[in-house]
Amino acid sequence: MLAARVNLKGWQQAAVAVGSAFGALLDPKRADLIAALGETTGKPAFERVLQRMKNSAEGREILLERPRVISTQVSRAWDMPENTFGAAYAQFMGSRNFSPDDRPPVRFMDSDDLAFVATRAREVHDFWHVLFGLPTNLIGETALKVIEFEQMILPMCMLSVVGGSARFSEKQRKLFFQHYFPWATKAGLKATDLMSVYYEKHFHEDLEEVRRNWGIVPCPDPKSSSAV
């Protein structure tokens, strides 16, 4: 994580941000460009998240131990009993053939603490998919970016919402703004500070119980009458 860091001057950060934004718009599948955009535009947001973590007992524990969401550290989730948070995460990852090791490294943070916070934000993404019950299609990913924005106020998240919604079909756009967007804005605000949660220490707990404890409202079925 830290070995890959590159220190940039102000104008260099701006250049990387602009280049990454254009590149990501041309090819939204370029996770490295999206990551670079998030880092070069997100320092103030990550500084606020870091301070919140320092103000939380569980957040301080995360900062002290610096856990990584990589296969060697989260493999015990696959051994958790049915209905637990860990089992739900393992099923989510396994059913999609995802690996926790696939995230691009953080490169453009100028301190070890900020580099870790940016890494942590990137690596807990799939935990949030599980907790909020969101799919990994374009609508699901865009809805999760709304929640990430509400939680961290990262500019890249809102840019991703704009970019994602621009790629919707007319039917998808209507569904997103009538159902997913109103739910996500409320869900992101209602939940506890999710960056200060030590998820790995809750793998053994019941999924519905951790949702209640963390104030998480899973995404309602789009066929229901309203988004709570």
C-alpha atoms as a PDB file:
ATOM      1  CA  MET A   1       0.000   0.000   0.000  1.00  0.00           C
ATOM      2  CA  LEU A   2       2.617   2.546   1.096  1.00  0.00           C
ATOM      3  CA  ALA A   3       5.394   1.539  -1.288  1.00  0.00           C
ATOM      4  CA  ALA A   4       3.273   2.572  -4.274  1.00  0.00           C
ATOM      5  CA  ARG A   5       2.719   6.153  -3.034  1.00  0.00           C
ATOM      6  CA  VAL A   6       3.692   9.085  -5.247  1.00  0.00           C
ATOM      7  CA  ASN A   7       4.000  12.601  -3.805  1.00  0.00           C
ATOM      8  CA  LEU A   8       2.568  15.219  -6.193  1.00  0.00           C
ATOM      9  CA  LYS A   9       2.713  19.001  -6.209  1.00  0.00           C
ATOM     10  CA  GLY A  10      -0.511  20.959  -6.508  1.00  0.00           C
ATOM     11  CA  TRP A  11      -0.391  21.407 -10.262  1.00  0.00           C
ATOM     12  CA  GLN A  12       0.547  17.754 -10.707  1.00  0.00           C
ATOM     13  CA  GLN A  13      -2.453  16.650  -8.647  1.00  0.00           C
ATOM     14  CA  ALA A  14      -4.692  18.849 -10.781  1.00  0.00           C
ATOM     15  CA  ALA A  15      -3.237  17.377 -13.961  1.00  0.00           C
ATOM     16  CA  VAL A  16      -3.726  13.810 -12.735  1.00  0.00           C
ATOM     17  CA  ALA A  17      -7.286  14.636 -11.625  1.00  0.00           C
ATOM     18  CA  VAL A  18      -8.242  16.135 -14.990  1.00  0.00           C
ATOM     19  CA  GLY A  19      -6.593  13.349 -16.955  1.00  0.00           C
ATOM     20  CA  SER A  20      -8.185  10.667 -14.798  1.00  0.00           C
ATOM     21  CA  ALA A  21     -11.613  12.276 -15.106  1.00  0.00           C
ATOM     22  CA  PHE A  22     -11.461  12.354 -18.905  1.00  0.00           C
ATOM     23  CA  GLY A  23     -10.063   8.836 -19.060  1.00  0.00           C
ATOM     24  CA  ALA A  24     -12.725   7.477 -16.728  1.00  0.00           C
ATOM     25  CA  LEU A  25     -15.487   9.096 -18.781  1.00  0.00           C
ATOM     26  CA  LEU A  26     -14.108   7.471 -21.932  1.00  0.00           C
ATOM     27  CA  ASP A  27     -13.640   4.095 -20.258  1.00  0.00           C
ATOM     28  CA  PRO A  28     -15.651   3.725 -17.006  1.00  0.00           C
ATOM     29  CA  LYS A  29     -14.186   0.237 -16.463  1.00  0.00           C
ATOM     30  CA  ARG A  30     -10.735   1.725 -15.761  1.00  0.00           C
ATOM     31  CA  ALA A  31     -10.685   1.244 -11.985  1.00  0.00           C
ATOM     32  CA  ASP A  32      -7.174   2.696 -11.783  1.00  0.00           C
ATOM     33  CA  LEU A  33      -8.309   6.006 -13.297  1.00  0.00           C
ATOM     34  CA  ILE A  34     -11.350   6.208 -11.045  1.00  0.00           C
ATOM     35  CA  ALA A  35      -9.115   5.480  -8.052  1.00  0.00           C
ATOM     36  CA  ALA A  36      -6.643   8.187  -9.080  1.00  0.00           C
ATOM     37  CA  LEU A  37      -9.485  10.688  -9.452  1.00  0.00           C
ATOM     38  CA  GLY A  38     -10.750   9.832  -5.988  1.00  0.00           C
ATOM     39  CA  GLU A  39      -7.339  10.290  -4.413  1.00  0.00           C
ATOM     40  CA  THR A  40      -6.382  13.546  -6.128  1.00  0.00           C
ATOM     41  CA  THR A  41      -9.718  15.228  -5.384  1.00  0.00           C
ATOM     42  CA  GLY A  42     -10.457  13.601  -2.035  1.00  0.00           C
ATOM     43  CA  LYS A  43      -7.770  14.704   0.427  1.00  0.00           C
ATOM     44  CA  PRO A  44     -10.031  17.068   2.462  1.00  0.00           C
ATOM     45  CA  ALA A  45     -12.686  14.360   2.699  1.00  0.00           C
ATOM     46  CA  PHE A  46     -10.170  11.727   3.799  1.00  0.00           C
ATOM     47  CA  GLU A  47      -8.790  14.149   6.408  1.00  0.00           C
ATOM     48  CA  ARG A  48     -12.304  14.522   7.853  1.00  0.00           C
ATOM     49  CA  VAL A  49     -12.788  10.750   7.875  1.00  0.00           C
ATOM     50  CA  LEU A  50      -9.430  10.310   9.618  1.00  0.00           C
ATOM     51  CA  GLN A  51     -10.441  12.754  12.331  1.00  0.00           C
ATOM     52  CA  ARG A  52     -13.761  10.978  12.853  1.00  0.00           C
ATOM     53  CA  MET A  53     -11.945   7.664  13.177  1.00  0.00           C
ATOM     54  CA  LYS A  54      -9.599   9.171  15.763  1.00  0.00           C
ATOM     55  CA  ASN A  55     -12.660  10.306  17.731  1.00  0.00           C
ATOM     56  CA  SER A  56     -14.146   6.784  17.793  1.00  0.00           C
ATOM     57  CA  ALA A  57     -12.909   3.919  19.966  1.00  0.00           C
ATOM     58  CA  GLU A  58     -13.436   1.388  17.185  1.00  0.00           C
ATOM     59  CA  GLY A  59     -11.997   3.817  14.637  1.00  0.00           C
ATOM     60  CA  ARG A  60      -8.852   4.244  16.742  1.00  0.00           C
ATOM     61  CA  GLU A  61      -8.508   0.480  16.912  1.00  0.00           C
ATOM     62  CA  ILE A  62      -8.674   0.295  13.124  1.00  0.00           C
ATOM     63  CA  LEU A  63      -6.031   3.011  12.782  1.00  0.00           C
ATOM     64  CA  LEU A  64      -3.789   1.244  15.277  1.00  0.00           C
ATOM     65  CA  GLU A  65      -4.057  -2.246  13.771  1.00  0.00           C
ATOM     66  CA  ARG A  66      -4.488  -1.173  10.127  1.00  0.00           C
ATOM     67  CA  PRO A  67      -6.360  -4.268   8.922  1.00  0.00           C
ATOM     68  CA  ARG A  68      -6.454  -5.003   5.209  1.00  0.00           C
ATOM     69  CA  VAL A  69      -9.421  -6.489   3.360  1.00  0.00           C
ATOM     70  CA  ILE A  70      -7.301  -9.001   1.488  1.00  0.00           C
ATOM     71  CA  SER A  71      -7.722 -12.752   1.128  1.00  0.00           C
ATOM     72  CA  THR A  72      -5.101 -13.643   3.755  1.00  0.00           C
ATOM     73  CA  GLN A  73      -6.903 -11.550   6.385  1.00  0.00           C
ATOM     74  CA  VAL A  74     -10.600 -12.118   5.638  1.00  0.00           C
ATOM     75  CA  SER A  75     -10.595 -15.795   4.622  1.00  0.00           C
ATOM     76  CA  ARG A  76     -12.248 -16.759   7.934  1.00  0.00           C
ATOM     77  CA  ALA A  77     -15.460 -15.207   6.604  1.00  0.00           C
ATOM     78  CA  TRP A  78     -15.847 -18.330   4.466  1.00  0.00           C
ATOM     79  CA  ASP A  79     -16.008 -20.439   7.670  1.00  0.00           C
ATOM     80  CA  MET A  80     -18.753 -18.428   9.348  1.00  0.00           C
ATOM     81  CA  PRO A  81     -22.190 -19.974  10.023  1.00  0.00           C
ATOM     82  CA  GLU A  82     -25.183 -19.257   7.833  1.00  0.00           C
ATOM     83  CA  ASN A  83     -26.969 -15.932   8.416  1.00  0.00           C
ATOM     84  CA  THR A  84     -23.851 -14.232   9.766  1.00  0.00           C
ATOM     85  CA  PHE A  85     -22.331 -11.113   8.260  1.00  0.00           C
ATOM     86  CA  GLY A  86     -19.187 -13.069   7.378  1.00  0.00           C
ATOM     87  CA  ALA A  87     -21.133 -15.783   5.571  1.00  0.00           C
ATOM     88  CA  ALA A  88     -23.106 -13.170   3.624  1.00  0.00           C
ATOM     89  CA  TYR A  89     -19.862 -11.478   2.567  1.00  0.00           C
ATOM     90  CA  ALA A  90     -18.319 -14.804   1.520  1.00  0.00           C
ATOM     91  CA  GLN A  91     -21.423 -15.682  -0.508  1.00  0.00           C
ATOM     92  CA  PHE A  92     -21.430 -12.254  -2.148  1.00  0.00           C
ATOM     93  CA  MET A  93     -17.790 -12.559  -3.181  1.00  0.00           C
ATOM     94  CA  GLY A  94     -17.929 -16.236  -4.182  1.00  0.00           C
ATOM     95  CA  SER A  95     -21.099 -15.980  -6.257  1.00  0.00           C
ATOM     96  CA  ARG A  96     -19.492 -13.226  -8.344  1.00  0.00           C
ATOM     97  CA  ASN A  97     -16.030 -14.764  -8.467  1.00  0.00           C
ATOM     98  CA  PHE A  98     -14.660 -11.598  -6.849  1.00  0.00           C
ATOM     99  CA  SER A  99     -11.347 -11.457  -5.016  1.00  0.00           C
ATOM    100  CA  PRO A 100     -10.639  -8.975  -2.209  1.00  0.00           C
ATOM    101  CA  ASP A 101      -7.132  -8.648  -3.656  1.00  0.00           C
ATOM    102  CA  ASP A 102      -8.274  -6.940  -6.874  1.00  0.00           C
ATOM    103  CA  ARG A 103      -8.378  -3.334  -5.632  1.00  0.00           C
ATOM    104  CA  PRO A 104      -5.778  -0.947  -7.124  1.00  0.00           C
ATOM    105  CA  PRO A 105      -3.280   0.431  -4.566  1.00  0.00           C
ATOM    106  CA  VAL A 106      -3.437   3.971  -3.217  1.00  0.00           C
ATOM    107  CA  ARG A 107      -0.739   6.119  -4.824  1.00  0.00           C
ATOM    108  CA  PHE A 108      -1.432   9.816  -4.307  1.00  0.00           C
ATOM    109  CA  MET A 109      -1.894  10.392  -0.567  1.00  0.00           C
ATOM    110  CA  ASP A 110       0.831  12.401   1.187  1.00  0.00           C
ATOM    111  CA  SER A 111       0.818  10.700   4.597  1.00  0.00           C
ATOM    112  CA  ASP A 112       0.677   7.139   5.879  1.00  0.00           C
ATOM    113  CA  ASP A 113      -2.540   7.826   7.802  1.00  0.00           C
ATOM    114  CA  LEU A 114      -4.347   9.282   4.771  1.00  0.00           C
ATOM    115  CA  ALA A 115      -3.048   6.476   2.566  1.00  0.00           C
ATOM    116  CA  PHE A 116      -4.515   3.943   4.968  1.00  0.00           C
ATOM    117  CA  VAL A 117      -7.870   5.750   5.200  1.00  0.00           C
ATOM    118  CA  ALA A 118      -8.115   5.918   1.399  1.00  0.00           C
ATOM    119  CA  THR A 119      -7.204   2.235   1.185  1.00  0.00           C
ATOM    120  CA  ARG A 120      -9.758   1.348   3.837  1.00  0.00           C
ATOM    121  CA  ALA A 121     -12.489   3.297   2.037  1.00  0.00           C
ATOM    122  CA  ARG A 122     -11.697   1.370  -1.134  1.00  0.00           C
ATOM    123  CA  GLU A 123     -11.535  -2.031   0.540  1.00  0.00           C
ATOM    124  CA  VAL A 124     -14.765  -1.876   2.585  1.00  0.00           C
ATOM    125  CA  HIS A 125     -16.778  -1.220  -0.590  1.00  0.00           C
ATOM    126  CA  ASP A 126     -17.910  -4.835  -0.870  1.00  0.00           C
ATOM    127  CA  PHE A 127     -18.885  -4.948   2.809  1.00  0.00           C
ATOM    128  CA  TRP A 128     -21.242  -2.051   2.072  1.00  0.00           C
ATOM    129  CA  HIS A 129     -22.702  -3.905  -0.918  1.00  0.00           C
ATOM    130  CA  VAL A 130     -23.587  -6.761   1.425  1.00  0.00           C
ATOM    131  CA  LEU A 131     -24.951  -4.604   4.213  1.00  0.00           C
ATOM    132  CA  PHE A 132     -27.139  -2.437   1.972  1.00  0.00           C
ATOM    133  CA  GLY A 133     -28.204  -5.369  -0.238  1.00  0.00           C
ATOM    134  CA  LEU A 134     -27.122  -3.697  -3.469  1.00  0.00           C
ATOM    135  CA  PRO A 135     -26.304  -5.543  -6.705  1.00  0.00           C
ATOM    136  CA  THR A 136     -23.079  -4.950  -8.600  1.00  0.00           C
ATOM    137  CA  ASN A 137     -24.736  -3.785 -11.806  1.00  0.00           C
ATOM    138  CA  LEU A 138     -24.585  -0.162 -12.968  1.00  0.00           C
ATOM    139  CA  ILE A 139     -27.624   0.912 -10.934  1.00  0.00           C
ATOM    140  CA  GLY A 140     -26.383  -0.820  -7.781  1.00  0.00           C
ATOM    141  CA  GLU A 141     -22.892   0.636  -8.033  1.00  0.00           C
ATOM    142  CA  THR A 142     -24.263   4.122  -8.686  1.00  0.00           C
ATOM    143  CA  ALA A 143     -26.614   3.868  -5.694  1.00  0.00           C
ATOM    144  CA  LEU A 144     -23.709   2.810  -3.485  1.00  0.00           C
ATOM    145  CA  LYS A 145     -21.749   5.856  -4.650  1.00  0.00           C
ATOM    146  CA  VAL A 146     -24.600   8.008  -3.319  1.00  0.00           C
ATOM    147  CA  ILE A 147     -24.201   6.329   0.081  1.00  0.00           C
ATOM    148  CA  GLU A 148     -20.423   6.710  -0.055  1.00  0.00           C
ATOM    149  CA  PHE A 149     -20.880  10.400  -0.787  1.00  0.00           C
ATOM    150  CA  GLU A 150     -23.243  10.837   2.156  1.00  0.00           C
ATOM    151  CA  GLN A 151     -20.764   9.042   4.418  1.00  0.00           C
ATOM    152  CA  MET A 152     -17.508  10.643   3.247  1.00  0.00           C
ATOM    153  CA  ILE A 153     -18.399  13.672   1.040  1.00  0.00           C
ATOM    154  CA  LEU A 154     -15.930  12.459  -1.571  1.00  0.00           C
ATOM    155  CA  PRO A 155     -16.234  14.492  -4.798  1.00  0.00           C
ATOM    156  CA  MET A 156     -15.391  11.417  -6.863  1.00  0.00           C
ATOM    157  CA  CYS A 157     -18.507   9.666  -5.558  1.00  0.00           C
ATOM    158  CA  MET A 158     -20.806  12.401  -6.839  1.00  0.00           C
ATOM    159  CA  LEU A 159     -18.927  12.488 -10.141  1.00  0.00           C
ATOM    160  CA  SER A 160     -19.471   8.732 -10.386  1.00  0.00           C
ATOM    161  CA  VAL A 161     -23.202   9.221  -9.788  1.00  0.00           C
ATOM    162  CA  VAL A 162     -23.345  11.793 -12.590  1.00  0.00           C
ATOM    163  CA  GLY A 163     -21.295   9.596 -14.896  1.00  0.00           C
ATOM    164  CA  GLY A 164     -23.216   6.450 -14.032  1.00  0.00           C
ATOM    165  CA  SER A 165     -26.636   8.015 -14.500  1.00  0.00           C
ATOM    166  CA  ALA A 166     -25.550   9.402 -17.873  1.00  0.00           C
ATOM    167  CA  ARG A 167     -25.055   5.825 -19.051  1.00  0.00           C
ATOM    168  CA  PHE A 168     -28.518   4.664 -17.934  1.00  0.00           C
ATOM    169  CA  SER A 169     -31.218   3.812 -20.398  1.00  0.00           C
ATOM    170  CA  GLU A 170     -34.365   5.894 -20.026  1.00  0.00           C
ATOM    171  CA  LYS A 171     -35.991   3.053 -18.073  1.00  0.00           C
ATOM    172  CA  GLN A 172     -32.972   2.687 -15.784  1.00  0.00           C
ATOM    173  CA  ARG A 173     -32.792   6.438 -15.196  1.00  0.00           C
ATOM    174  CA  LYS A 174     -36.439   6.574 -14.142  1.00  0.00           C
ATOM    175  CA  LEU A 175     -35.982   3.602 -11.805  1.00  0.00           C
ATOM    176  CA  PHE A 176     -32.837   5.055 -10.290  1.00  0.00           C
ATOM    177  CA  PHE A 177     -34.176   8.525  -9.532  1.00  0.00           C
ATOM    178  CA  GLN A 178     -37.622   7.330  -8.406  1.00  0.00           C
ATOM    179  CA  HIS A 179     -36.437   4.416  -6.251  1.00  0.00           C
ATOM    180  CA  TYR A 180     -32.708   4.052  -5.622  1.00  0.00           C
ATOM    181  CA  PHE A 181     -31.613   7.676  -5.280  1.00  0.00           C
ATOM    182  CA  PRO A 182     -34.142   8.765  -2.616  1.00  0.00           C
ATOM    183  CA  TRP A 183     -33.513   5.579  -0.629  1.00  0.00           C
ATOM    184  CA  ALA A 184     -29.708   5.925  -0.868  1.00  0.00           C
ATOM    185  CA  THR A 185     -29.649   9.555   0.278  1.00  0.00           C
ATOM    186  CA  LYS A 186     -31.665   8.641   3.366  1.00  0.00           C
ATOM    187  CA  ALA A 187     -29.800   5.390   4.034  1.00  0.00           C
ATOM    188  CA  GLY A 188     -26.392   7.054   3.823  1.00  0.00           C
ATOM    189  CA  LEU A 189     -27.395   9.692   6.367  1.00  0.00           C
ATOM    190  CA  LYS A 190     -29.190   7.288   8.710  1.00  0.00           C
ATOM    191  CA  ALA A 191     -26.306   4.826   9.050  1.00  0.00           C
ATOM    192  CA  THR A 192     -23.612   5.175  11.684  1.00  0.00           C
ATOM    193  CA  ASP A 193     -20.133   6.355  10.691  1.00  0.00           C
ATOM    194  CA  LEU A 194     -19.329   3.305   8.598  1.00  0.00           C
ATOM    195  CA  MET A 195     -15.654   4.137   8.211  1.00  0.00           C
ATOM    196  CA  SER A 196     -15.258   3.680  11.972  1.00  0.00           C
ATOM    197  CA  VAL A 197     -16.619   0.118  11.954  1.00  0.00           C
ATOM    198  CA  TYR A 198     -14.145  -2.752  12.354  1.00  0.00           C
ATOM    199  CA  TYR A 199     -16.099  -5.085  10.080  1.00  0.00           C
ATOM    200  CA  GLU A 200     -13.744  -8.029  10.365  1.00  0.00           C
ATOM    201  CA  LYS A 201     -14.480  -8.310  14.090  1.00  0.00           C
ATOM    202  CA  HIS A 202     -18.207  -8.668  13.376  1.00  0.00           C
ATOM    203  CA  PHE A 203     -18.040 -11.536  10.854  1.00  0.00           C
ATOM    204  CA  HIS A 204     -19.492 -13.951  13.439  1.00  0.00           C
ATOM    205  CA  GLU A 205     -22.526 -11.780  14.192  1.00  0.00           C
ATOM    206  CA  ASP A 206     -25.986 -12.127  12.679  1.00  0.00           C
ATOM    207  CA  LEU A 207     -26.351 -10.060   9.499  1.00  0.00           C
ATOM    208  CA  GLU A 208     -29.668  -8.504  10.490  1.00  0.00           C
ATOM    209  CA  GLU A 209     -28.343  -7.697  13.952  1.00  0.00           C
ATOM    210  CA  VAL A 210     -25.325  -5.778  12.645  1.00  0.00           C
ATOM    211  CA  ARG A 211     -27.577  -3.923  10.234  1.00  0.00           C
ATOM    212  CA  ARG A 212     -29.737  -2.805  13.145  1.00  0.00           C
ATOM    213  CA  ASN A 213     -26.726  -1.893  15.270  1.00  0.00           C
ATOM    214  CA  TRP A 214     -25.232   0.243  12.500  1.00  0.00           C
ATOM    215  CA  GLY A 215     -28.502   1.900  11.449  1.00  0.00           C
ATOM    216  CA  ILE A 216     -28.458   0.317   8.009  1.00  0.00           C
ATOM    217  CA  VAL A 217     -31.634   0.225   5.927  1.00  0.00           C
ATOM    218  CA  PRO A 218     -31.182  -2.339   3.123  1.00  0.00           C
ATOM    219  CA  CYS A 219     -32.402  -1.372  -0.314  1.00  0.00           C
ATOM    220  CA  PRO A 220     -36.104  -2.163  -0.654  1.00  0.00           C
ATOM    221  CA  ASP A 221     -37.362  -4.243  -3.532  1.00  0.00           C
ATOM    222  CA  PRO A 222     -37.840  -1.890  -6.521  1.00  0.00           C
ATOM    223  CA  LYS A 223     -41.266  -3.468  -7.005  1.00  0.00           C
ATOM    224  CA  SER A 224     -42.407  -2.169  -3.614  1.00  0.00           C
ATOM    225  CA  SER A 225     -44.498   0.959  -3.490  1.00  0.00           C
ATOM    226  CA  SER A 226     -41.919   3.339  -1.999  1.00  0.00           C
ATOM    227  CA  ALA A 227     -38.267   3.651  -0.986  1.00  0.00           C
ATOM    228  CA  VAL A 228     -37.995   3.916   2.797  1.00  0.00           C
END
